[in-house]
Amino acid sequence: MKILVPVKRVVDYNVKVRVKPDQTGVDLANVKMSMNPFCEIAVEEAVRMKEKGGVEEIIVVSVGPQQAQETIRTALAMGADRGILIQTDEMAEPLAVAKLLAKVVEAEGPEMVILGKQAIDDDSNQTGQMLGALLDWPQATFASEVELSDGKANVTREIDGGLQTLSVELPAIVTTDLRLNEPRYASLPNIMKAKRKPIDAKTPEDFGVDIAPRLKVIKVSEPPKREAGIKVESVAELVDKLKNKEGVIG
């Protein structure tokens, strides 16, 4: 069995995001970048499946600039076997990424694509679903538990009312939620081994995919600063302010 794991290079989750002075986007100059946390969970789950047996190869693919090789190397150090970098300096929207991934799936023939449910930079939560539609594969999103058996993936997912378990025929798309696992830290020997693992370099043109953006960013701005709260002396005063000043109760 072969598993494909898409990963994305994003601003590290510990970094405070800064907006450019001209409000055209986020300032990425001298900012620490890392693998999207949900992508880390996807890589970890694929590696665990391989450790249990039945998975022969894990292929990691990323769409982004040359520096995204570092993100792929991190996944290789965690236990993936080889990588594919579709290099572009353009900001690829979810549909463009899904189209590129569909081409990679056609070329590689994996039985499963497991990816993060969303990226922490744009929070789109679209790529996995779009990829499922393009491939006409079953999909199980927001997975908190995944078990493989008899050519199926049994996926437990979190919903508003509790938990839901789906059984999908392979090949399938699975997107990962936070509680699926806790990603491992790559050991120094594995980091050294990852340097020798192959990464194929591709471009969107190699796959015949147009990644021209369909959306235009008008303005990026920081959220308004939170105003200081006020103290009240009694419940009656609290109710009065909520009713007459804030208008949140009738």
Protein backbone atom coordinates (compact mmCIF):
# COMPACT_ATOMS: atom_id res chain seq x y z
CA MET A 1 0.00 0.00 0.00
CA LYS A 2 1.22 3.49 -0.87
CA ILE A 3 0.19 6.65 0.99
CA LEU A 4 0.48 10.23 -0.28
CA VAL A 5 0.81 12.99 2.33
CA PRO A 6 0.59 16.63 1.19
CA VAL A 7 2.35 19.10 3.50
CA LYS A 8 2.41 22.90 3.58
CA ARG A 9 5.06 25.41 4.66
CA VAL A 10 3.48 28.08 6.88
CA VAL A 11 4.47 30.72 9.41
CA ASP A 12 5.36 28.90 12.63
CA TYR A 13 2.44 28.75 15.03
CA ASN A 14 4.53 30.38 17.79
CA VAL A 15 5.20 33.49 15.69
CA LYS A 16 3.05 36.59 16.05
CA VAL A 17 1.85 37.39 12.53
CA ARG A 18 2.56 40.92 11.28
CA VAL A 19 0.65 42.68 8.53
CA LYS A 20 2.64 44.56 5.87
CA PRO A 21 2.50 48.37 6.16
CA ASP A 22 0.70 48.61 2.81
CA GLN A 23 -1.86 45.99 3.97
CA THR A 24 -1.29 43.79 0.91
CA GLY A 25 -0.60 40.68 2.97
CA VAL A 26 1.37 39.14 5.82
CA ASP A 27 5.01 40.10 6.34
CA LEU A 28 7.17 36.99 5.80
CA ALA A 29 10.58 38.69 5.95
CA ASN A 30 12.87 37.01 8.52
CA VAL A 31 9.93 35.03 9.90
CA LYS A 32 10.35 31.45 11.13
CA MET A 33 8.52 28.99 8.89
CA SER A 34 7.60 25.40 9.67
CA MET A 35 5.30 22.57 8.67
CA ASN A 36 1.60 23.19 9.14
CA PRO A 37 0.62 21.45 12.43
CA PHE A 38 -2.26 19.52 10.83
CA CYS A 39 0.17 18.29 8.14
CA GLU A 40 2.51 17.05 10.87
CA ILE A 41 -0.36 15.00 12.27
CA ALA A 42 -1.01 13.53 8.81
CA VAL A 43 2.66 12.56 8.40
CA GLU A 44 2.71 11.00 11.87
CA GLU A 45 -0.41 8.95 11.14
CA ALA A 46 1.04 7.67 7.86
CA VAL A 47 4.27 6.68 9.62
CA ARG A 48 2.32 4.86 12.33
CA MET A 49 0.39 2.95 9.67
CA LYS A 50 3.68 1.93 8.08
CA GLU A 51 5.07 0.81 11.43
CA LYS A 52 2.03 -1.43 11.95
CA GLY A 53 2.68 -3.07 8.56
CA GLY A 54 0.77 -3.05 5.30
CA VAL A 55 2.11 0.31 4.11
CA GLU A 56 5.12 0.03 1.83
CA GLU A 57 5.82 3.64 0.92
CA ILE A 58 4.99 7.14 2.14
CA ILE A 59 5.35 9.94 -0.39
CA VAL A 60 5.31 13.55 0.80
CA VAL A 61 4.36 16.31 -1.62
CA SER A 62 4.43 20.07 -1.18
CA VAL A 63 3.45 23.00 -3.38
CA GLY A 64 5.51 26.11 -2.72
CA PRO A 65 8.86 27.87 -3.06
CA GLN A 66 12.29 26.25 -3.06
CA GLN A 67 12.43 26.62 0.72
CA ALA A 68 9.55 24.13 1.03
CA GLN A 69 12.23 21.45 0.61
CA GLU A 70 12.98 22.02 4.29
CA THR A 71 9.39 21.12 5.14
CA ILE A 72 9.63 17.95 3.06
CA ARG A 73 12.93 17.05 4.76
CA THR A 74 11.20 17.34 8.12
CA ALA A 75 8.57 14.84 6.98
CA LEU A 76 11.29 12.54 5.63
CA ALA A 77 13.05 12.70 9.00
CA MET A 78 9.79 11.69 10.69
CA GLY A 79 9.69 8.52 8.59
CA ALA A 80 8.41 9.29 5.07
CA ASP A 81 10.29 7.64 2.20
CA ARG A 82 10.55 10.25 -0.55
CA GLY A 83 9.31 13.68 -1.48
CA ILE A 84 7.95 15.68 -4.39
CA LEU A 85 8.26 19.47 -4.52
CA ILE A 86 6.02 21.27 -7.00
CA GLN A 87 7.95 24.50 -7.03
CA THR A 88 6.22 27.84 -7.49
CA ASP A 89 6.62 31.27 -5.97
CA GLU A 90 2.95 32.02 -6.62
CA MET A 91 0.41 31.68 -3.81
CA ALA A 92 -1.52 28.57 -4.78
CA GLU A 93 -5.20 28.58 -3.84
CA PRO A 94 -6.89 25.39 -2.56
CA LEU A 95 -8.41 24.48 -5.94
CA ALA A 96 -5.05 24.82 -7.69
CA VAL A 97 -3.39 22.67 -5.02
CA ALA A 98 -6.14 20.06 -5.34
CA LYS A 99 -5.69 19.95 -9.12
CA LEU A 100 -1.93 19.48 -8.73
CA LEU A 101 -2.43 16.76 -6.12
CA ALA A 102 -4.88 14.99 -8.42
CA LYS A 103 -2.17 14.85 -11.09
CA VAL A 104 0.33 13.49 -8.57
CA VAL A 105 -2.19 10.83 -7.52
CA GLU A 106 -2.63 9.81 -11.16
CA ALA A 107 1.14 9.50 -11.56
CA GLU A 108 1.90 7.74 -8.25
CA GLY A 109 -1.22 5.60 -7.74
CA PRO A 110 -1.53 5.74 -3.92
CA GLU A 111 -4.31 3.88 -2.09
CA MET A 112 -4.79 6.76 0.36
CA VAL A 113 -4.18 10.50 0.55
CA ILE A 114 -4.02 11.71 4.13
CA LEU A 115 -3.66 15.45 4.73
CA GLY A 116 -4.35 18.11 7.34
CA LYS A 117 -7.92 19.34 7.51
CA GLN A 118 -6.71 22.93 7.10
CA ALA A 119 -3.63 25.15 7.09
CA ILE A 120 -3.14 27.67 9.88
CA ASP A 121 -2.28 30.50 7.48
CA ASP A 122 -5.43 30.71 5.34
CA ASP A 123 -7.74 28.34 7.30
CA SER A 124 -9.49 27.40 4.06
CA ASN A 125 -10.34 23.77 4.94
CA GLN A 126 -11.01 23.03 1.25
CA THR A 127 -8.15 21.12 -0.37
CA GLY A 128 -9.03 17.64 0.88
CA GLN A 129 -12.68 17.96 -0.09
CA MET A 130 -11.84 19.39 -3.52
CA LEU A 131 -9.34 16.61 -4.13
CA GLY A 132 -11.97 14.00 -3.25
CA ALA A 133 -14.36 15.58 -5.77
CA LEU A 134 -11.73 15.76 -8.53
CA LEU A 135 -10.72 12.12 -8.05
CA ASP A 136 -14.27 10.92 -7.30
CA TRP A 137 -12.89 9.17 -4.20
CA PRO A 138 -14.71 8.71 -0.90
CA GLN A 139 -13.56 11.06 1.84
CA ALA A 140 -13.56 11.09 5.62
CA THR A 141 -12.77 14.49 7.10
CA PHE A 142 -11.75 15.67 10.60
CA ALA A 143 -10.43 12.23 11.59
CA SER A 144 -9.65 11.64 15.26
CA GLU A 145 -8.98 7.90 14.73
CA VAL A 146 -8.13 5.86 11.63
CA GLU A 147 -8.00 2.07 11.32
CA LEU A 148 -7.23 0.13 8.14
CA SER A 149 -8.72 -3.32 7.54
CA ASP A 150 -9.84 -5.41 4.54
CA GLY A 151 -9.37 -2.65 1.97
CA LYS A 152 -11.30 -0.12 4.02
CA ALA A 153 -10.52 2.80 6.31
CA ASN A 154 -12.65 3.04 9.42
CA VAL A 155 -12.52 6.68 10.47
CA THR A 156 -13.86 8.22 13.66
CA ARG A 157 -14.57 11.91 13.23
CA GLU A 158 -15.67 14.65 15.59
CA ILE A 159 -19.03 16.28 14.97
CA ASP A 160 -21.12 18.76 16.97
CA GLY A 161 -23.13 16.04 18.68
CA GLY A 162 -20.20 13.75 19.54
CA LEU A 163 -18.41 11.18 17.39
CA GLN A 164 -19.26 9.66 14.03
CA THR A 165 -17.62 6.56 12.54
CA LEU A 166 -17.37 6.14 8.76
CA SER A 167 -16.18 3.18 6.75
CA VAL A 168 -14.78 4.18 3.35
CA GLU A 169 -13.50 1.95 0.57
CA LEU A 170 -9.90 2.51 -0.48
CA PRO A 171 -8.61 4.47 -2.32
CA ALA A 172 -9.86 7.34 -0.17
CA ILE A 173 -9.12 10.83 1.13
CA VAL A 174 -8.68 11.35 4.89
CA THR A 175 -8.17 14.74 6.56
CA THR A 176 -6.74 14.90 10.06
CA ASP A 177 -7.98 16.64 13.19
CA LEU A 178 -5.92 17.70 16.20
CA ARG A 179 -6.77 14.75 18.42
CA LEU A 180 -5.72 12.06 15.94
CA ASN A 181 -2.19 11.80 17.37
CA GLU A 182 0.80 13.71 18.71
CA PRO A 183 3.58 14.02 16.12
CA ARG A 184 7.02 12.72 17.07
CA TYR A 185 10.21 14.72 17.14
CA ALA A 186 12.68 13.64 14.48
CA SER A 187 15.83 12.15 15.98
CA LEU A 188 19.28 13.33 14.87
CA PRO A 189 20.08 10.04 13.07
CA ASN A 190 16.79 10.26 11.17
CA ILE A 191 17.47 13.90 10.27
CA MET A 192 20.81 12.82 8.81
CA LYS A 193 19.15 9.93 6.91
CA ALA A 194 16.52 12.32 5.53
CA LYS A 195 19.24 14.30 3.74
CA ARG A 196 19.88 11.26 1.54
CA LYS A 197 16.24 10.56 0.72
CA PRO A 198 15.17 11.70 -2.77
CA ILE A 199 13.04 14.77 -3.50
CA ASP A 200 11.76 15.11 -7.07
CA ALA A 201 11.48 18.67 -8.37
CA LYS A 202 8.43 19.50 -10.48
CA THR A 203 6.57 22.62 -11.60
CA PRO A 204 2.85 23.25 -12.16
CA GLU A 205 3.63 23.38 -15.90
CA ASP A 206 4.90 19.79 -15.75
CA PHE A 207 1.39 18.74 -14.78
CA GLY A 208 -0.37 21.12 -17.15
CA VAL A 209 -2.16 22.90 -14.31
CA ASP A 210 -2.95 26.61 -14.35
CA ILE A 211 -2.53 27.96 -10.81
CA ALA A 212 -3.45 31.56 -11.63
CA PRO A 213 -5.38 32.94 -8.63
CA ARG A 214 -9.14 33.27 -8.86
CA LEU A 215 -9.36 35.51 -5.82
CA LYS A 216 -7.96 38.99 -5.26
CA VAL A 217 -6.91 40.22 -1.83
CA ILE A 218 -8.29 43.72 -1.32
CA LYS A 219 -6.80 44.44 2.08
CA VAL A 220 -5.27 42.62 5.03
CA SER A 221 -5.63 44.21 8.45
CA GLU A 222 -5.07 43.24 12.05
CA PRO A 223 -8.08 42.69 14.31
CA PRO A 224 -9.08 45.69 16.43
CA LYS A 225 -7.44 45.92 19.82
CA ARG A 226 -9.54 44.58 22.63
CA GLU A 227 -11.01 47.30 24.82
CA ALA A 228 -10.70 47.18 28.58
CA GLY A 229 -13.63 45.79 30.49
CA ILE A 230 -15.56 47.51 33.29
CA LYS A 231 -16.42 46.48 36.82
CA VAL A 232 -19.93 46.50 38.18
CA GLU A 233 -21.01 46.61 41.81
CA SER A 234 -24.02 44.28 41.62
CA VAL A 235 -25.96 41.83 39.48
CA ALA A 236 -28.65 44.46 39.00
CA GLU A 237 -26.11 46.88 37.54
CA LEU A 238 -24.75 44.13 35.28
CA VAL A 239 -28.22 43.34 33.95
CA ASP A 240 -28.94 47.04 33.45
CA LYS A 241 -25.77 47.57 31.37
CA LEU A 242 -26.37 44.42 29.30
CA LYS A 243 -29.93 45.48 28.61
CA ASN A 244 -29.73 49.24 28.17
CA LYS A 245 -26.14 49.89 27.07
CA GLU A 246 -25.07 46.79 25.14
CA GLY A 247 -28.53 45.69 24.06
CA VAL A 248 -27.66 41.99 24.27
CA ILE A 249 -30.70 41.04 26.36
CA GLY A 250 -34.31 42.07 25.97
